[in-house]
N, C-alpha and C. Protein backbone atom coordinates (compact mmCIF):
# COMPACT_ATOMS: atom_id res chain seq x y z
N UNK A 1 -7.36 -29.82 -31.59
CA UNK A 1 -6.75 -29.10 -30.47
C UNK A 1 -5.68 -29.88 -29.77
N UNK A 2 -4.69 -29.08 -28.77
CA UNK A 2 -3.66 -29.80 -28.27
C UNK A 2 -4.36 -29.92 -27.19
N UNK A 3 -3.81 -31.39 -25.90
CA UNK A 3 -4.58 -31.44 -24.73
C UNK A 3 -3.52 -31.10 -23.53
N UNK A 4 -2.21 -30.28 -24.02
CA UNK A 4 -1.54 -29.43 -23.32
C UNK A 4 -1.77 -28.76 -22.47
N UNK A 5 -0.88 -28.83 -21.38
CA UNK A 5 -1.23 -27.98 -20.07
C UNK A 5 0.28 -27.14 -19.56
N UNK A 6 -0.52 -25.79 -19.95
CA UNK A 6 0.26 -24.83 -18.90
C UNK A 6 0.41 -24.30 -17.90
N UNK A 7 1.07 -24.64 -17.33
CA UNK A 7 2.09 -24.27 -15.67
C UNK A 7 0.84 -22.06 -16.30
N UNK A 8 0.94 -21.82 -15.41
CA UNK A 8 0.62 -20.27 -15.14
C UNK A 8 1.56 -19.75 -14.80
N UNK A 9 3.08 -20.19 -14.66
CA UNK A 9 4.04 -19.17 -14.77
C UNK A 9 4.06 -18.08 -13.78
N UNK A 10 5.37 -17.24 -13.71
CA UNK A 10 4.93 -16.52 -12.27
C UNK A 10 5.79 -15.04 -13.14
N UNK A 11 4.30 -14.04 -12.73
CA UNK A 11 4.75 -12.33 -12.60
C UNK A 11 5.59 -12.04 -11.27
N UNK A 12 6.18 -11.36 -11.70
CA UNK A 12 6.60 -9.87 -10.27
C UNK A 12 6.72 -8.94 -10.77
N UNK A 13 6.25 -8.15 -9.37
CA UNK A 13 6.10 -6.91 -9.03
C UNK A 13 6.88 -6.49 -8.45
N UNK A 14 7.83 -5.03 -9.09
CA UNK A 14 8.74 -4.58 -7.65
C UNK A 14 7.58 -4.53 -6.40
N UNK A 15 8.47 -4.29 -5.23
CA UNK A 15 7.51 -3.16 -4.51
C UNK A 15 7.74 -2.04 -4.45
N UNK A 16 7.91 -0.96 -5.10
CA UNK A 16 8.03 -0.05 -4.89
C UNK A 16 6.61 0.35 -5.98
N UNK A 17 5.93 -0.34 -7.03
CA UNK A 17 5.47 -1.00 -7.87
C UNK A 17 3.77 -0.66 -6.91
N UNK A 18 3.83 -1.42 -6.00
CA UNK A 18 2.78 -2.42 -4.61
C UNK A 18 2.98 -0.85 -4.21
N UNK A 19 3.75 -0.37 -2.89
CA UNK A 19 3.53 0.71 -2.10
C UNK A 19 2.87 1.89 -3.41
N UNK A 20 3.31 2.21 -5.07
CA UNK A 20 2.34 3.84 -5.21
C UNK A 20 1.36 3.01 -5.25
N UNK A 21 0.94 1.45 -5.84
CA UNK A 21 -0.41 1.34 -6.18
C UNK A 21 -1.63 1.13 -4.85
N UNK A 22 -0.90 1.46 -3.63
CA UNK A 22 -1.53 1.20 -2.09
C UNK A 22 -1.84 2.33 -1.49
N UNK A 23 -0.51 3.52 -1.95
CA UNK A 23 -0.51 4.97 -2.23
C UNK A 23 -1.77 5.50 -2.96
N UNK A 24 -1.87 5.22 -3.62
CA UNK A 24 -2.61 5.93 -4.99
C UNK A 24 -4.01 5.62 -4.80
N UNK A 25 -3.89 3.97 -4.25
CA UNK A 25 -5.91 4.00 -4.05
C UNK A 25 -6.77 4.66 -3.20
N UNK A 26 -5.65 4.44 -1.32
CA UNK A 26 -5.65 4.85 -0.66
C UNK A 26 -5.91 6.42 -0.99
N UNK A 27 -5.26 7.26 -1.10
CA UNK A 27 -5.90 8.76 -1.54
C UNK A 27 -7.18 8.86 -2.52
N UNK A 28 -7.41 7.85 -3.34
CA UNK A 28 -8.64 7.60 -3.95
C UNK A 28 -9.41 8.27 -2.84
N UNK A 29 -9.40 7.12 -1.99
CA UNK A 29 -11.08 6.70 -0.95
C UNK A 29 -11.51 8.47 -0.43
N UNK A 30 -12.84 8.41 -0.47
CA UNK A 30 -12.88 10.20 0.33
C UNK A 30 -13.48 10.19 1.61
N UNK A 31 -12.73 10.84 2.15
CA UNK A 31 -12.32 10.76 3.29
C UNK A 31 -11.58 11.05 3.65
N UNK A 32 -9.89 10.59 3.02
CA UNK A 32 -8.62 10.58 3.53
C UNK A 32 -8.41 11.66 3.31
N UNK A 33 -7.63 11.90 3.57
CA UNK A 33 -6.93 13.57 3.69
C UNK A 33 -5.14 13.88 2.89
N UNK A 34 -4.21 13.32 3.24
CA UNK A 34 -3.12 12.92 3.13
C UNK A 34 -2.56 11.23 3.53
N UNK A 35 -1.31 10.72 3.68
CA UNK A 35 -0.61 10.21 3.91
C UNK A 35 0.11 9.91 5.44
N UNK A 36 0.05 9.19 6.78
CA UNK A 36 0.53 9.69 7.34
C UNK A 36 1.85 8.57 7.85
N UNK A 37 3.03 9.46 7.96
CA UNK A 37 4.05 9.00 8.80
C UNK A 37 4.20 7.40 8.70
N UNK A 38 4.97 6.19 8.35
CA UNK A 38 5.01 5.24 9.19
C UNK A 38 5.82 5.30 10.41
N UNK A 39 5.09 5.72 11.96
CA UNK A 39 6.23 4.81 13.18
C UNK A 39 7.07 4.80 13.66
N UNK A 40 7.96 4.82 13.77
CA UNK A 40 8.83 4.16 14.67
C UNK A 40 10.15 4.79 12.93
N UNK A 41 9.82 5.10 11.98
CA UNK A 41 11.17 5.80 10.99
C UNK A 41 11.74 6.76 11.28
N UNK A 42 13.08 7.14 11.74
CA UNK A 42 13.37 8.18 12.11
C UNK A 42 13.44 9.00 10.98
N UNK A 43 13.98 8.43 10.48
CA UNK A 43 14.27 9.01 8.92
C UNK A 43 13.50 10.19 8.18
N UNK A 44 11.85 9.88 8.83
CA UNK A 44 10.87 10.11 8.01
C UNK A 44 10.36 11.64 9.33
N UNK A 45 11.23 11.50 10.08
CA UNK A 45 10.80 12.90 10.61
C UNK A 45 11.52 14.25 10.53
N UNK A 46 13.06 14.26 9.23
CA UNK A 46 13.66 15.19 8.49
C UNK A 46 13.15 14.81 7.53
N UNK A 47 12.57 14.45 6.34
CA UNK A 47 12.62 14.21 4.74
C UNK A 47 11.13 13.07 5.12
N UNK A 48 10.38 13.63 3.50
CA UNK A 48 9.01 13.03 3.35
C UNK A 48 9.51 11.95 2.15
N UNK A 49 9.10 10.94 2.04
CA UNK A 49 9.51 9.92 0.81
C UNK A 49 8.54 9.67 0.22
N UNK A 50 8.25 8.99 -0.37
CA UNK A 50 7.15 8.52 -2.12
C UNK A 50 6.67 6.88 -1.00
N UNK A 51 7.35 6.51 -0.20
CA UNK A 51 6.77 5.11 0.60
C UNK A 51 6.51 5.66 1.83
N UNK A 52 5.68 6.87 2.42
CA UNK A 52 5.26 7.68 3.02
C UNK A 52 3.76 7.14 3.27
N UNK A 53 3.60 6.46 4.43
CA UNK A 53 1.91 5.78 4.35
C UNK A 53 1.87 4.04 4.07
N UNK A 54 2.58 3.52 3.74
CA UNK A 54 2.94 2.35 3.30
C UNK A 54 3.82 1.08 4.12
N UNK A 55 4.13 0.19 4.06
CA UNK A 55 4.14 -0.91 4.21
C UNK A 55 3.97 -2.18 4.25
N UNK A 56 4.82 -2.72 3.02
CA UNK A 56 5.02 -4.13 2.58
C UNK A 56 5.55 -4.56 3.64
N UNK A 57 4.88 -6.07 3.37
CA UNK A 57 5.82 -7.19 3.87
C UNK A 57 5.02 -8.69 3.29
N UNK A 58 6.55 -9.45 2.61
CA UNK A 58 5.33 -10.54 2.43
C UNK A 58 6.24 -11.80 3.27
N UNK A 59 5.23 -12.51 3.29
CA UNK A 59 5.27 -13.74 4.42
C UNK A 59 4.54 -14.83 4.03
N UNK A 60 5.31 -16.48 3.61
CA UNK A 60 4.25 -17.07 3.44
C UNK A 60 4.08 -16.79 2.40
N UNK A 61 4.10 -16.93 1.19
CA UNK A 61 3.90 -16.05 0.30
C UNK A 61 2.37 -15.28 -0.53
N UNK A 62 2.17 -14.74 0.96
CA UNK A 62 1.15 -13.64 1.66
C UNK A 62 2.10 -11.75 1.41
N UNK A 63 0.86 -11.31 0.79
CA UNK A 63 1.24 -10.35 0.89
C UNK A 63 0.57 -9.29 1.57
N UNK A 64 1.58 -8.45 2.63
CA UNK A 64 0.92 -7.75 3.56
C UNK A 64 0.55 -6.23 3.61
N UNK A 65 -0.19 -5.01 3.86
CA UNK A 65 0.56 -4.18 3.70
C UNK A 65 -0.42 -3.48 4.91
N UNK A 66 0.31 -2.34 5.81
CA UNK A 66 0.19 -1.80 6.50
C UNK A 66 0.04 0.54 5.57
N UNK A 67 -1.32 0.72 6.44
CA UNK A 67 -1.54 1.17 5.77
C UNK A 67 -2.40 2.42 6.46
N UNK A 68 -1.68 4.06 6.61
CA UNK A 68 -1.20 5.06 7.00
C UNK A 68 -2.18 6.60 6.92
N UNK A 69 -3.10 6.35 7.09
CA UNK A 69 -3.57 7.27 6.47
C UNK A 69 -4.61 9.01 7.24
N UNK A 70 -4.66 9.80 7.64
CA UNK A 70 -5.46 10.80 8.14
C UNK A 70 -6.25 11.34 7.29
N UNK A 71 -7.13 11.56 7.84
CA UNK A 71 -9.15 11.45 7.63
C UNK A 71 -9.46 13.12 7.29
N UNK A 72 -9.72 13.49 6.85
CA UNK A 72 -10.54 14.91 6.96
C UNK A 72 -11.37 14.82 7.84
N UNK A 73 -11.11 15.73 8.79
CA UNK A 73 -12.40 16.35 9.55
C UNK A 73 -14.08 16.21 9.80
N UNK A 74 -14.62 15.51 10.84
CA UNK A 74 -15.41 15.24 10.94
C UNK A 74 -16.46 14.20 9.40
N UNK A 75 -15.23 12.63 9.76
CA UNK A 75 -15.46 11.29 8.51
C UNK A 75 -16.16 10.51 9.18
N UNK A 76 -16.89 9.88 9.03
CA UNK A 76 -17.47 9.08 10.01
C UNK A 76 -15.97 7.19 9.44
N UNK A 77 -15.27 7.28 10.42
CA UNK A 77 -14.07 6.19 10.35
C UNK A 77 -13.82 4.97 9.97
N UNK A 78 -15.39 4.54 10.05
CA UNK A 78 -16.46 3.39 9.56
C UNK A 78 -15.86 3.44 8.21
N UNK A 79 -17.31 4.38 7.94
CA UNK A 79 -18.10 4.21 7.03
C UNK A 79 -15.72 4.11 5.77
N UNK A 80 -16.00 5.50 6.22
CA UNK A 80 -14.28 5.23 5.29
C UNK A 80 -13.34 3.61 4.80
């Protein structure tokens, strides 16, 4: 065996893929009825978009996601 060290490399994921993962995961949680529109986006008033409910940010090599959902009635928000 050689003692060579390999760098871990770099993986790039398209932002739309991250949005889809966050959206599908959110919708799979019990108590979530649907995705909500992102506040402040005027174009959302006219038509629905696949990105509804998820906003992705990258800052200082960290990924942040704001997720907006509509919950079902009689659901405990803390449990969701």
